[in-house]
Amino acid sequence: MAPSCAGPEAGTYSAASANCPQPCGTSRRFAAEQIKYATAFLQWLGERSTTLASCGQIDVDAWWAENSEHGRNCLRAFLNWAMQSRHCRRSLSIPAMKATRRAALSEDERLDALGRLLTAPDIPGNLRVAGVIVLLYAQPLTRIVRLTVDDVVHDGEAVLLRLGEPASPFPEPAASLLLDYIADRDHMNTATNQASPWLFPGRRAGQPFRPDHLSALLNEIGVPVAAARGAAIRQQLLEMPAPVVADALGYHDKTTTRLLTETGGTWSRYAAGNHTRSPAGWTPRGPADS
């Protein structure tokens, strides 16, 4: 059941009553945050000797000014529900949500981050591998944490990763990093986890790593996921036609076509830098190194 809060003037509010889908995973945590901020808002009104029914625009504006963007976004659904349900004045105006979208990394930044992950033994293996997948293949973390060891294909000397059709080649030295990581995955020391199929096992037995937790950890080591994905997908589109990228990386073809169209059909205006250079600190393995 979705979290809910109740009050004499509020009735019962839940994620479902606010026209939100039944929370699951990350959505469940966000629903819980919505309830937390709705409850905090009602308590805050009480401290001002105000109720939800008598809440005015000056109260909404004051609460908005005192709280973070996260808190405002969490309260938004509750206020919309309260107005639609006539538990407060329908004339209240809720400030528009701010769209914050970080620009994609430049190609130099992407390669520097990739090189750091490939050559920094002090960074945990799961973060190195997950970051490499983001930086090479523009994969969302919700998909990355659902990868299993069976999605890694070691075909002779080649290493492939099943992200779409066909499987994508995993180049050296990233391939060696991936294989070494699989041989010594994290959180495999419990009896129930020893046969875990997940490429990124979580702390809870039988469950994969949480994508929100993984995102926070990657950000801490200098890999902002959204910006890194943006850089990776447009580099792929520089090298291959949009339909091929869509099939290989598991993207919808309309998504890759839109990304290509947004740049005028080519990536000619892409951030300055040498797009052919290797990441700092490593050299791709050639035939002579096999």
Protein backbone atom coordinates (compact mmCIF):
# COMPACT_ATOMS: atom_id res chain seq x y z
CA MET A 1 0.00 0.00 0.00
CA ALA A 2 1.23 3.47 -0.83
CA PRO A 3 2.25 5.68 2.09
CA SER A 4 -0.45 8.10 3.24
CA CYS A 5 -0.98 10.94 5.67
CA ALA A 6 -4.17 12.10 7.27
CA GLY A 7 -5.35 15.21 9.03
CA PRO A 8 -8.70 16.64 10.07
CA GLU A 9 -8.58 19.14 7.25
CA ALA A 10 -6.69 17.02 4.73
CA GLY A 11 -8.61 13.75 4.57
CA THR A 12 -6.36 10.94 3.38
CA TYR A 13 -3.60 11.61 0.87
CA SER A 14 -1.59 8.93 -0.89
CA ALA A 15 0.49 8.50 -4.03
CA ALA A 16 -2.55 6.89 -5.65
CA SER A 17 -4.92 9.71 -4.65
CA ALA A 18 -2.45 12.20 -6.13
CA ASN A 19 -2.74 10.41 -9.48
CA CYS A 20 0.72 8.85 -9.07
CA PRO A 21 1.42 5.26 -10.17
CA GLN A 22 1.78 2.67 -7.42
CA PRO A 23 5.27 3.32 -6.05
CA CYS A 24 7.91 0.69 -6.63
CA GLY A 25 11.67 0.89 -6.01
CA THR A 26 12.83 4.44 -6.55
CA SER A 27 9.20 5.56 -7.06
CA ARG A 28 8.29 4.10 -3.66
CA ARG A 29 11.03 6.11 -1.99
CA PHE A 30 9.87 9.28 -3.74
CA ALA A 31 6.28 8.59 -2.63
CA ALA A 32 7.55 8.29 0.95
CA GLU A 33 9.33 11.63 0.52
CA GLN A 34 6.09 13.20 -0.71
CA ILE A 35 4.29 12.01 2.41
CA LYS A 36 7.10 13.27 4.62
CA TYR A 37 6.98 16.77 3.14
CA ALA A 38 3.16 16.86 3.12
CA THR A 39 3.20 16.04 6.85
CA ALA A 40 5.92 18.62 7.48
CA PHE A 41 3.90 21.23 5.57
CA LEU A 42 0.78 20.59 7.69
CA GLN A 43 2.85 20.85 10.88
CA TRP A 44 4.44 24.05 9.58
CA LEU A 45 0.99 25.52 8.91
CA GLY A 46 -0.05 24.61 12.46
CA GLU A 47 2.94 26.49 13.85
CA ARG A 48 1.68 29.55 11.94
CA SER A 49 -1.80 29.06 13.45
CA THR A 50 -3.08 28.18 9.97
CA THR A 51 -4.84 25.13 8.57
CA LEU A 52 -4.78 23.64 5.11
CA ALA A 53 -8.30 24.98 4.50
CA SER A 54 -7.29 28.55 5.40
CA CYS A 55 -3.85 28.35 3.79
CA GLY A 56 -3.27 31.36 1.55
CA GLN A 57 -0.87 32.25 -1.23
CA ILE A 58 1.38 34.04 1.26
CA ASP A 59 1.79 30.75 3.16
CA VAL A 60 2.67 28.77 0.03
CA ASP A 61 5.17 31.42 -1.07
CA ALA A 62 6.75 31.51 2.39
CA TRP A 63 7.13 27.71 2.52
CA TRP A 64 8.59 27.71 -1.00
CA ALA A 65 11.17 30.31 0.02
CA GLU A 66 12.23 28.35 3.11
CA ASN A 67 12.68 24.94 1.47
CA SER A 68 14.91 23.26 -1.08
CA GLU A 69 13.93 22.45 -4.66
CA HIS A 70 13.65 18.78 -3.65
CA GLY A 71 11.22 19.65 -0.88
CA ARG A 72 9.16 21.84 -3.21
CA ASN A 73 8.93 19.10 -5.82
CA CYS A 74 7.90 16.59 -3.15
CA LEU A 75 5.09 18.88 -1.89
CA ARG A 76 3.78 19.77 -5.33
CA ALA A 77 1.62 16.62 -5.78
CA PHE A 78 0.05 17.05 -2.33
CA LEU A 79 -0.94 20.67 -2.99
CA ASN A 80 -2.38 19.75 -6.39
CA TRP A 81 -4.41 16.97 -4.75
CA ALA A 82 -5.58 19.28 -1.96
CA MET A 83 -6.81 21.89 -4.44
CA GLN A 84 -8.53 19.33 -6.67
CA SER A 85 -10.18 17.75 -3.60
CA ARG A 86 -11.25 21.18 -2.30
CA HIS A 87 -9.30 20.73 0.95
CA CYS A 88 -7.71 24.13 0.32
CA ARG A 89 -8.36 27.14 -1.88
CA ARG A 90 -8.39 26.23 -5.55
CA SER A 91 -7.05 29.70 -6.36
CA LEU A 92 -3.61 28.91 -4.92
CA SER A 93 -0.76 29.23 -7.39
CA ILE A 94 2.04 26.68 -7.19
CA PRO A 95 5.35 27.99 -8.60
CA ALA A 96 6.49 26.21 -11.74
CA MET A 97 9.03 23.44 -11.41
CA LYS A 98 12.55 24.44 -12.35
CA ALA A 99 14.04 22.34 -15.13
CA THR A 100 17.65 21.67 -14.26
CA ARG A 101 19.52 19.85 -16.98
CA ARG A 102 23.28 19.62 -16.90
CA ALA A 103 25.03 19.81 -20.23
CA ALA A 104 26.72 16.67 -21.49
CA LEU A 105 30.41 16.25 -20.80
CA SER A 106 32.78 17.36 -23.53
CA GLU A 107 34.63 14.57 -25.30
CA ASP A 108 37.82 15.49 -23.44
CA GLU A 109 35.98 15.24 -20.12
CA ARG A 110 34.44 11.91 -21.09
CA LEU A 111 37.80 10.43 -22.06
CA ASP A 112 39.52 11.78 -18.96
CA ALA A 113 36.84 10.22 -16.75
CA LEU A 114 37.14 6.94 -18.66
CA GLY A 115 40.90 6.93 -18.31
CA ARG A 116 40.66 7.60 -14.57
CA LEU A 117 38.30 4.65 -14.06
CA LEU A 118 40.55 2.34 -16.03
CA THR A 119 43.72 3.24 -14.15
CA ALA A 120 42.62 3.99 -10.56
CA PRO A 121 42.87 0.85 -8.38
CA ASP A 122 41.71 2.83 -5.33
CA ILE A 123 38.20 3.17 -6.83
CA PRO A 124 35.94 0.18 -5.99
CA GLY A 125 35.61 -2.29 -8.85
CA ASN A 126 31.84 -2.07 -9.15
CA LEU A 127 32.02 1.72 -9.57
CA ARG A 128 34.81 1.44 -12.13
CA VAL A 129 32.89 -1.06 -14.25
CA ALA A 130 29.52 0.69 -13.95
CA GLY A 131 31.13 4.02 -14.81
CA VAL A 132 32.85 2.54 -17.85
CA ILE A 133 29.53 1.14 -19.12
CA VAL A 134 27.94 4.58 -18.73
CA LEU A 135 30.82 6.38 -20.43
CA LEU A 136 31.13 3.91 -23.31
CA TYR A 137 27.54 2.88 -23.95
CA ALA A 138 25.30 5.61 -22.48
CA GLN A 139 23.32 3.10 -20.43
CA PRO A 140 20.89 4.25 -17.70
CA LEU A 141 21.68 2.90 -14.24
CA THR A 142 18.26 1.25 -14.01
CA ARG A 143 19.34 -0.97 -16.91
CA ILE A 144 22.94 -1.41 -15.76
CA VAL A 145 21.96 -2.82 -12.36
CA ARG A 146 19.73 -5.39 -14.08
CA LEU A 147 22.63 -6.83 -16.08
CA THR A 148 23.66 -10.37 -15.15
CA VAL A 149 26.94 -12.20 -15.54
CA ASP A 150 25.32 -14.07 -18.43
CA ASP A 151 25.07 -10.77 -20.30
CA VAL A 152 28.88 -10.79 -20.51
CA VAL A 153 29.98 -13.03 -23.37
CA HIS A 154 33.63 -14.11 -23.47
CA ASP A 155 33.92 -15.42 -27.02
CA GLY A 156 37.52 -16.51 -27.47
CA GLU A 157 39.61 -13.35 -27.23
CA ALA A 158 36.62 -11.02 -27.61
CA VAL A 159 34.44 -9.80 -24.74
CA LEU A 160 30.88 -8.73 -25.56
CA LEU A 161 28.16 -7.13 -23.45
CA ARG A 162 24.50 -7.77 -24.25
CA LEU A 163 22.86 -4.35 -24.24
CA GLY A 164 20.88 -4.77 -27.45
CA GLU A 165 21.19 -6.69 -30.70
CA PRO A 166 23.84 -7.55 -31.55
CA ALA A 167 25.90 -7.62 -28.34
CA SER A 168 28.37 -4.75 -28.08
CA PRO A 169 32.13 -5.43 -28.12
CA PHE A 170 33.87 -4.44 -24.88
CA PRO A 171 37.31 -3.09 -25.83
CA GLU A 172 40.57 -3.50 -23.98
CA PRO A 173 41.62 -2.55 -21.37
CA ALA A 174 38.00 -2.20 -20.21
CA ALA A 175 37.41 -5.89 -21.06
CA SER A 176 40.13 -7.05 -18.66
CA LEU A 177 38.73 -4.78 -15.96
CA LEU A 178 35.28 -6.30 -16.48
CA LEU A 179 36.49 -9.90 -16.34
CA ASP A 180 38.62 -9.25 -13.24
CA TYR A 181 35.63 -7.63 -11.56
CA ILE A 182 33.33 -10.59 -12.32
CA ALA A 183 35.85 -12.92 -10.70
CA ASP A 184 35.73 -10.86 -7.50
CA ARG A 185 32.33 -9.16 -7.30
CA ASP A 186 31.21 -7.21 -4.23
CA HIS A 187 28.67 -8.51 -1.68
CA MET A 188 29.23 -12.16 -2.59
CA ASN A 189 30.27 -13.29 0.90
CA THR A 190 26.81 -14.30 2.15
CA ALA A 191 25.53 -17.83 1.65
CA THR A 192 22.52 -16.66 -0.36
CA ASN A 193 24.58 -14.35 -2.56
CA GLN A 194 27.25 -16.81 -3.62
CA ALA A 195 25.25 -17.83 -6.69
CA SER A 196 23.91 -14.34 -7.44
CA PRO A 197 23.46 -13.80 -11.18
CA TRP A 198 23.60 -9.99 -10.91
CA LEU A 199 26.60 -8.25 -12.41
CA PHE A 200 26.23 -5.69 -9.61
CA PRO A 201 24.91 -7.55 -6.53
CA GLY A 202 23.38 -5.40 -3.82
CA ARG A 203 23.84 -5.64 -0.08
CA ARG A 204 20.50 -7.40 0.24
CA ALA A 205 20.78 -11.05 -0.74
CA GLY A 206 19.27 -11.78 -4.13
CA GLN A 207 18.86 -8.11 -5.05
CA PRO A 208 20.90 -5.98 -7.46
CA PHE A 209 22.55 -2.71 -6.51
CA ARG A 210 20.15 0.19 -6.04
CA PRO A 211 20.41 2.59 -9.02
CA ASP A 212 19.94 5.71 -6.87
CA HIS A 213 22.74 4.62 -4.53
CA LEU A 214 24.97 3.78 -7.50
CA SER A 215 24.26 7.19 -9.04
CA ALA A 216 25.29 8.97 -5.83
CA LEU A 217 28.52 6.97 -5.58
CA LEU A 218 29.43 7.60 -9.23
CA ASN A 219 28.83 11.31 -8.76
CA GLU A 220 31.18 11.28 -5.77
CA ILE A 221 34.02 9.91 -7.94
CA GLY A 222 33.43 12.48 -10.68
CA VAL A 223 31.10 10.62 -13.05
CA PRO A 224 27.82 12.61 -13.26
CA VAL A 225 25.62 9.98 -14.86
CA ALA A 226 23.24 12.14 -16.92
CA ALA A 227 26.06 14.27 -18.33
CA ALA A 228 28.20 11.19 -18.99
CA ARG A 229 25.36 9.42 -20.82
CA GLY A 230 24.79 12.48 -22.99
CA ALA A 231 28.45 12.54 -24.00
CA ALA A 232 28.55 8.80 -24.69
CA ILE A 233 25.42 8.64 -26.85
CA ARG A 234 26.46 11.51 -29.08
CA GLN A 235 29.93 10.02 -29.52
CA GLN A 236 28.25 6.78 -30.62
CA LEU A 237 26.15 8.78 -33.09
CA LEU A 238 29.32 10.34 -34.47
CA GLU A 239 30.59 6.89 -35.34
CA MET A 240 27.45 4.98 -36.39
CA PRO A 241 24.03 5.66 -37.95
CA ALA A 242 21.25 6.37 -35.45
CA PRO A 243 19.30 3.11 -36.15
CA VAL A 244 22.44 1.04 -35.58
CA VAL A 245 23.14 2.82 -32.28
CA ALA A 246 19.53 2.28 -31.20
CA ASP A 247 19.69 -1.49 -31.86
CA ALA A 248 23.13 -1.99 -30.33
CA LEU A 249 22.51 0.00 -27.15
CA GLY A 250 18.88 -0.88 -26.55
CA TYR A 251 17.58 2.64 -27.26
CA HIS A 252 14.37 3.44 -29.11
CA ASP A 253 15.18 4.49 -32.67
CA LYS A 254 13.08 7.65 -32.21
CA THR A 255 15.33 8.66 -29.31
CA THR A 256 18.56 8.41 -31.28
CA THR A 257 16.97 10.10 -34.29
CA ARG A 258 15.78 12.97 -32.08
CA LEU A 259 19.24 13.37 -30.55
CA LEU A 260 20.76 13.49 -34.01
CA THR A 261 18.17 15.99 -35.25
CA GLU A 262 18.71 18.26 -32.24
CA THR A 263 22.28 18.79 -33.41
CA GLY A 264 21.36 19.57 -37.01
CA GLY A 265 21.95 16.07 -38.31
CA THR A 266 25.60 15.87 -37.34
CA TRP A 267 27.77 16.46 -34.30
CA SER A 268 29.82 19.10 -36.14
CA ARG A 269 29.12 21.59 -33.34
CA TYR A 270 30.30 19.12 -30.71
CA ALA A 271 32.53 20.47 -27.91
CA ALA A 272 36.05 21.24 -28.99
CA GLY A 273 38.67 18.57 -28.51
CA ASN A 274 40.50 15.77 -30.22
CA HIS A 275 37.84 13.06 -30.55
CA THR A 276 40.37 10.48 -31.71
CA ARG A 277 42.71 10.53 -28.72
CA SER A 278 42.74 7.76 -26.12
CA PRO A 279 41.81 8.27 -22.47
CA ALA A 280 44.67 9.57 -20.36
CA GLY A 281 46.85 6.90 -18.81
CA TRP A 282 46.17 3.96 -21.10
CA THR A 283 46.68 2.76 -24.63
CA PRO A 284 44.26 0.45 -26.47
CA ARG A 285 45.62 -3.06 -26.92
CA GLY A 286 46.61 -3.87 -30.49
CA PRO A 287 47.22 -7.22 -32.24
CA ALA A 288 50.83 -7.23 -31.09
CA ASP A 289 49.71 -7.13 -27.45
CA SER A 290 47.50 -10.23 -27.67
